Amino acid sequence: MIVGLGNDLVDIRRIEKSLERFGARFLARVFTEGEQARAGARAATAQGRAAFYAKRFAAKEAAAKALGTGIGDHAWFTDLEVGSLASGQPVLSFHGRAARTLAALVPAGHRPVIHLTMSDEYPLAQAVVILSAEPRVIG
């Protein structure tokens, strides 16, 4: 069953400006160390780096919307982390406050399942998050 749905659209140029203006301070406030390390390994150009971060920014905003809270007391940017499987499929992990908020949405006897898709076409980046709950299988 679906327990949350979120969507977000980000102007990559806005992220470019934040990176130029605030640099490491912006990165530390919004992205985990793991996300920052992956950006360094995957994005060769300034525009590619901004697109990488913009997609993840959109994913975090979409996740917070799916939680029904937005970014704030119940989920902060660094409570949400975007990684990927070996296949390249993006995965979203919830930590701290975001994990507790997600757990409160999931009915007893169920486990959360997080679905994420991200896309970009300069100057826009977009992400959709679907939060669902599946019955726990015992045995």
Foldseek 3Di string as FASTA:
>chain_A
DWLFKFKFKDFLVVLLVCCVPPNPVVCVQAADPVLVVVLVVPADDSSSSSLSVQQLSRAQQRLCVRLVHGDDDQAHNHQWHWDADPVRAIDIHGHDSVVVSLVVSEDPQWDKDKHKDWDDDPRMIMMMIIIDIDGDDDD
